[in-house]
PDB file of N, CA and C in Angstrom:
ATOM      1  N   MET A   1      -7.644  -1.472  17.326  1.00  0.00           N
ATOM      2  CA  MET A   1      -7.536  -0.687  16.006  1.00  0.00           C
ATOM      3  C   MET A   1      -8.945  -0.087  15.712  1.00  0.00           C
ATOM      4  N   MET A   2      -8.865   1.265  15.450  1.00  0.00           N
ATOM      5  CA  MET A   2     -10.113   1.887  15.071  1.00  0.00           C
ATOM      6  C   MET A   2     -10.123   1.996  13.518  1.00  0.00           C
ATOM      7  N   ILE A   3     -11.358   1.834  12.999  1.00  0.00           N
ATOM      8  CA  ILE A   3     -11.457   2.003  11.570  1.00  0.00           C
ATOM      9  C   ILE A   3     -12.320   3.234  11.323  1.00  0.00           C
ATOM     10  N   PHE A   4     -11.909   4.108  10.476  1.00  0.00           N
ATOM     11  CA  PHE A   4     -12.635   5.357  10.194  1.00  0.00           C
ATOM     12  C   PHE A   4     -13.076   5.307   8.736  1.00  0.00           C
ATOM     13  N   ASP A   5     -14.329   5.738   8.482  1.00  0.00           N
ATOM     14  CA  ASP A   5     -14.770   5.859   7.108  1.00  0.00           C
ATOM     15  C   ASP A   5     -14.311   7.227   6.597  1.00  0.00           C
ATOM     16  N   VAL A   6     -13.399   7.133   5.663  1.00  0.00           N
ATOM     17  CA  VAL A   6     -12.854   8.367   5.061  1.00  0.00           C
ATOM     18  C   VAL A   6     -13.414   8.468   3.640  1.00  0.00           C
ATOM     19  N   PRO A   7     -14.101   9.634   3.386  1.00  0.00           N
ATOM     20  CA  PRO A   7     -14.589   9.795   2.016  1.00  0.00           C
ATOM     21  C   PRO A   7     -13.494   9.743   0.980  1.00  0.00           C
ATOM     22  N   THR A   8     -13.650   8.900   0.026  1.00  0.00           N
ATOM     23  CA  THR A   8     -12.643   8.793  -1.001  1.00  0.00           C
ATOM     24  C   THR A   8     -13.232   8.162  -2.297  1.00  0.00           C
ATOM     25  N   ASP A   9     -12.616   8.403  -3.421  1.00  0.00           N
ATOM     26  CA  ASP A   9     -13.089   7.789  -4.634  1.00  0.00           C
ATOM     27  C   ASP A   9     -12.215   6.624  -5.030  1.00  0.00           C
ATOM     28  N   LYS A  10     -11.316   6.224  -4.077  1.00  0.00           N
ATOM     29  CA  LYS A  10     -10.448   5.110  -4.304  1.00  0.00           C
ATOM     30  C   LYS A  10     -11.130   3.815  -3.924  1.00  0.00           C
ATOM     31  N   SER A  11     -10.707   2.760  -4.637  1.00  0.00           N
ATOM     32  CA  SER A  11     -11.218   1.365  -4.283  1.00  0.00           C
ATOM     33  C   SER A  11     -10.478   0.780  -3.149  1.00  0.00           C
ATOM     34  N   ARG A  12     -11.161  -0.055  -2.345  1.00  0.00           N
ATOM     35  CA  ARG A  12     -10.566  -0.704  -1.203  1.00  0.00           C
ATOM     36  C   ARG A  12     -10.082  -2.127  -1.638  1.00  0.00           C
ATOM     37  N   VAL A  13      -8.869  -2.487  -1.195  1.00  0.00           N
ATOM     38  CA  VAL A  13      -8.259  -3.779  -1.386  1.00  0.00           C
ATOM     39  C   VAL A  13      -7.902  -4.386  -0.056  1.00  0.00           C
ATOM     40  N   ALA A  14      -8.239  -5.591   0.212  1.00  0.00           N
ATOM     41  CA  ALA A  14      -7.883  -6.263   1.453  1.00  0.00           C
ATOM     42  C   ALA A  14      -6.996  -7.461   1.176  1.00  0.00           C
ATOM     43  N   THR A  15      -6.081  -7.699   2.111  1.00  0.00           N
ATOM     44  CA  THR A  15      -5.189  -8.839   1.974  1.00  0.00           C
ATOM     45  C   THR A  15      -4.747  -9.357   3.333  1.00  0.00           C
ATOM     46  N   TYR A  16      -4.251 -10.562   3.376  1.00  0.00           N
ATOM     47  CA  TYR A  16      -3.685 -11.124   4.555  1.00  0.00           C
ATOM     48  C   TYR A  16      -2.202 -11.278   4.429  1.00  0.00           C
ATOM     49  N   ILE A  17      -1.439 -10.787   5.473  1.00  0.00           N
ATOM     50  CA  ILE A  17       0.041 -10.965   5.497  1.00  0.00           C
ATOM     51  C   ILE A  17       0.484 -11.369   6.857  1.00  0.00           C
ATOM     52  N   GLU A  18       1.633 -11.943   6.913  1.00  0.00           N
ATOM     53  CA  GLU A  18       2.204 -12.415   8.176  1.00  0.00           C
ATOM     54  C   GLU A  18       2.357 -11.173   9.094  1.00  0.00           C
ATOM     55  N   GLU A  19       2.288 -11.455  10.395  1.00  0.00           N
ATOM     56  CA  GLU A  19       2.358 -10.334  11.397  1.00  0.00           C
ATOM     57  C   GLU A  19       3.765  -9.653  11.355  1.00  0.00           C
ATOM     58  N   GLU A  20       4.769 -10.511  11.218  1.00  0.00           N
ATOM     59  CA  GLU A  20       6.108  -9.941  11.181  1.00  0.00           C
ATOM     60  C   GLU A  20       6.264  -8.967   9.965  1.00  0.00           C
ATOM     61  N   LEU A  21       5.765  -9.349   8.814  1.00  0.00           N
ATOM     62  CA  LEU A  21       5.810  -8.565   7.613  1.00  0.00           C
ATOM     63  C   LEU A  21       5.041  -7.303   7.826  1.00  0.00           C
ATOM     64  N   LYS A  22       3.856  -7.382   8.505  1.00  0.00           N
ATOM     65  CA  LYS A  22       3.008  -6.146   8.739  1.00  0.00           C
ATOM     66  C   LYS A  22       3.790  -5.186   9.660  1.00  0.00           C
ATOM     67  N   GLN A  23       4.425  -5.722  10.668  1.00  0.00           N
ATOM     68  CA  GLN A  23       5.178  -4.846  11.509  1.00  0.00           C
ATOM     69  C   GLN A  23       6.312  -4.062  10.761  1.00  0.00           C
ATOM     70  N   LYS A  24       6.953  -4.761   9.912  1.00  0.00           N
ATOM     71  CA  LYS A  24       8.107  -4.170   9.132  1.00  0.00           C
ATOM     72  C   LYS A  24       7.493  -3.168   8.120  1.00  0.00           C
ATOM     73  N   LEU A  25       6.365  -3.508   7.593  1.00  0.00           N
ATOM     74  CA  LEU A  25       5.684  -2.523   6.582  1.00  0.00           C
ATOM     75  C   LEU A  25       5.335  -1.278   7.367  1.00  0.00           C
ATOM     76  N   GLU A  26       4.787  -1.338   8.515  1.00  0.00           N
ATOM     77  CA  GLU A  26       4.398  -0.234   9.292  1.00  0.00           C
ATOM     78  C   GLU A  26       5.647   0.653   9.669  1.00  0.00           C
ATOM     79  N   LYS A  27       6.777   0.025   9.971  1.00  0.00           N
ATOM     80  CA  LYS A  27       7.982   0.803  10.233  1.00  0.00           C
ATOM     81  C   LYS A  27       8.451   1.543   8.995  1.00  0.00           C
ATOM     82  N   LEU A  28       8.411   0.873   7.829  1.00  0.00           N
ATOM     83  CA  LEU A  28       8.859   1.532   6.542  1.00  0.00           C
ATOM     84  C   LEU A  28       7.971   2.715   6.263  1.00  0.00           C
ATOM     85  N   ALA A  29       6.686   2.521   6.391  1.00  0.00           N
ATOM     86  CA  ALA A  29       5.645   3.637   6.105  1.00  0.00           C
ATOM     87  C   ALA A  29       5.974   4.768   7.042  1.00  0.00           C
ATOM     88  N   ALA A  30       6.207   4.525   8.295  1.00  0.00           N
ATOM     89  CA  ALA A  30       6.451   5.533   9.296  1.00  0.00           C
ATOM     90  C   ALA A  30       7.766   6.229   8.942  1.00  0.00           C
ATOM     91  N   LEU A  31       8.732   5.612   8.520  1.00  0.00           N
ATOM     92  CA  LEU A  31       9.990   6.219   8.160  1.00  0.00           C
ATOM     93  C   LEU A  31       9.781   7.246   7.026  1.00  0.00           C
ATOM     94  N   GLU A  32       8.827   6.999   6.144  1.00  0.00           N
ATOM     95  CA  GLU A  32       8.532   7.945   5.129  1.00  0.00           C
ATOM     96  C   GLU A  32       7.369   8.894   5.426  1.00  0.00           C
ATOM     97  N   ASP A  33       6.971   8.866   6.691  1.00  0.00           N
ATOM     98  CA  ASP A  33       5.866   9.721   7.175  1.00  0.00           C
ATOM     99  C   ASP A  33       4.603   9.492   6.365  1.00  0.00           C
ATOM    100  N   ARG A  34       4.286   8.268   6.087  1.00  0.00           N
ATOM    101  CA  ARG A  34       3.089   7.896   5.302  1.00  0.00           C
ATOM    102  C   ARG A  34       2.255   6.848   6.034  1.00  0.00           C
ATOM    103  N   SER A  35       1.030   6.834   5.721  1.00  0.00           N
ATOM    104  CA  SER A  35       0.180   5.767   6.190  1.00  0.00           C
ATOM    105  C   SER A  35       0.545   4.440   5.439  1.00  0.00           C
ATOM    106  N   VAL A  36       0.207   3.332   6.087  1.00  0.00           N
ATOM    107  CA  VAL A  36       0.457   2.015   5.428  1.00  0.00           C
ATOM    108  C   VAL A  36      -0.285   1.982   4.054  1.00  0.00           C
ATOM    109  N   SER A  37      -1.521   2.464   4.042  1.00  0.00           N
ATOM    110  CA  SER A  37      -2.309   2.476   2.852  1.00  0.00           C
ATOM    111  C   SER A  37      -1.601   3.284   1.738  1.00  0.00           C
ATOM    112  N   ASN A  38      -1.156   4.469   2.032  1.00  0.00           N
ATOM    113  CA  ASN A  38      -0.428   5.354   1.013  1.00  0.00           C
ATOM    114  C   ASN A  38       0.823   4.742   0.576  1.00  0.00           C
ATOM    115  N   PHE A  39       1.602   4.196   1.544  1.00  0.00           N
ATOM    116  CA  PHE A  39       2.873   3.486   1.214  1.00  0.00           C
ATOM    117  C   PHE A  39       2.599   2.361   0.232  1.00  0.00           C
ATOM    118  N   LEU A  40       1.623   1.497   0.482  1.00  0.00           N
ATOM    119  CA  LEU A  40       1.297   0.387  -0.380  1.00  0.00           C
ATOM    120  C   LEU A  40       0.836   0.856  -1.755  1.00  0.00           C
ATOM    121  N   GLU A  41       0.060   1.887  -1.822  1.00  0.00           N
ATOM    122  CA  GLU A  41      -0.415   2.430  -2.986  1.00  0.00           C
ATOM    123  C   GLU A  41       0.697   2.883  -3.890  1.00  0.00           C
ATOM    124  N   ARG A  42       1.719   3.505  -3.264  1.00  0.00           N
ATOM    125  CA  ARG A  42       2.870   3.973  -4.035  1.00  0.00           C
ATOM    126  C   ARG A  42       3.691   2.818  -4.543  1.00  0.00           C
ATOM    127  N   LEU A  43       3.860   1.689  -3.738  1.00  0.00           N
ATOM    128  CA  LEU A  43       4.561   0.528  -4.171  1.00  0.00           C
ATOM    129  C   LEU A  43       3.898  -0.171  -5.304  1.00  0.00           C
ATOM    130  N   ILE A  44       2.550  -0.294  -5.192  1.00  0.00           N
ATOM    131  CA  ILE A  44       1.783  -0.935  -6.212  1.00  0.00           C
ATOM    132  C   ILE A  44       1.868  -0.154  -7.538  1.00  0.00           C
ATOM    133  N   LYS A  45       1.765   1.141  -7.422  1.00  0.00           N
ATOM    134  CA  LYS A  45       1.874   2.025  -8.613  1.00  0.00           C
ATOM    135  C   LYS A  45       3.242   1.844  -9.328  1.00  0.00           C
ATOM    136  N   GLN A  46       4.290   1.720  -8.549  1.00  0.00           N
ATOM    137  CA  GLN A  46       5.601   1.536  -9.144  1.00  0.00           C
ATOM    138  C   GLN A  46       5.662   0.229  -9.912  1.00  0.00           C
ATOM    139  N   VAL A  47       5.136  -0.780  -9.345  1.00  0.00           N
ATOM    140  CA  VAL A  47       5.153  -2.151  -9.974  1.00  0.00           C
ATOM    141  C   VAL A  47       4.285  -2.114 -11.265  1.00  0.00           C
ATOM    142  N   VAL A  48       3.097  -1.506 -11.195  1.00  0.00           N
ATOM    143  CA  VAL A  48       2.216  -1.421 -12.334  1.00  0.00           C
ATOM    144  C   VAL A  48       2.862  -0.598 -13.413  1.00  0.00           C
ATOM    145  N   ASP A  49       3.447   0.576 -13.083  1.00  0.00           N
ATOM    146  CA  ASP A  49       4.134   1.402 -14.072  1.00  0.00           C
ATOM    147  C   ASP A  49       5.237   0.648 -14.744  1.00  0.00           C
ATOM    148  N   GLN A  50       6.049  -0.067 -13.979  1.00  0.00           N
ATOM    149  CA  GLN A  50       7.077  -0.918 -14.572  1.00  0.00           C
ATOM    150  C   GLN A  50       6.510  -1.952 -15.537  1.00  0.00           C
ATOM    151  N   ALA A  51       5.483  -2.635 -15.158  1.00  0.00           N
ATOM    152  CA  ALA A  51       4.809  -3.599 -16.041  1.00  0.00           C
ATOM    153  C   ALA A  51       4.367  -2.980 -17.253  1.00  0.00           C
ATOM    154  N   GLU A  52       3.825  -1.832 -17.216  1.00  0.00           N
ATOM    155  CA  GLU A  52       3.321  -1.117 -18.441  1.00  0.00           C
ATOM    156  C   GLU A  52       4.411  -0.693 -19.285  1.00  0.00           C
ATOM    157  N   ARG A  53       5.526  -0.228 -18.722  1.00  0.00           N
ATOM    158  CA  ARG A  53       6.706   0.169 -19.558  1.00  0.00           C
ATOM    159  C   ARG A  53       7.278  -1.038 -20.285  1.00  0.00           C
ATOM    160  N   GLU A  54       7.197  -2.187 -19.623  1.00  0.00           N
ATOM    161  CA  GLU A  54       7.732  -3.433 -20.250  1.00  0.00           C
ATOM    162  C   GLU A  54       6.736  -4.104 -21.186  1.00  0.00           C
ATOM    163  N   GLY A  55       5.547  -3.544 -21.323  1.00  0.00           N
ATOM    164  CA  GLY A  55       4.559  -4.087 -22.161  1.00  0.00           C
ATOM    165  C   GLY A  55       3.879  -5.289 -21.635  1.00  0.00           C
ATOM    166  N   ARG A  56       4.008  -5.631 -20.401  1.00  0.00           N
ATOM    167  CA  ARG A  56       3.455  -6.848 -19.789  1.00  0.00           C
ATOM    168  C   ARG A  56       1.940  -6.641 -19.568  1.00  0.00           C
ATOM    169  N   ILE A  57       1.508  -5.392 -19.383  1.00  0.00           N
ATOM    170  CA  ILE A  57       0.120  -5.118 -19.224  1.00  0.00           C
ATOM    171  C   ILE A  57      -0.276  -3.845 -20.022  1.00  0.00           C
TER     172      ILE A  57
END
């Protein structure tokens, strides 16, 4: 796996997940023609937006 330094103003978040879950995540991201990073950012935004609408944060 190659890691590229991409100029961005976004923060980096690292996590550990099971290999099987990672493989499924990669397939889902590919189905939407997105990087895993972009796919996860969209999912996280949806969860945060929902929490804000519900007044939880």
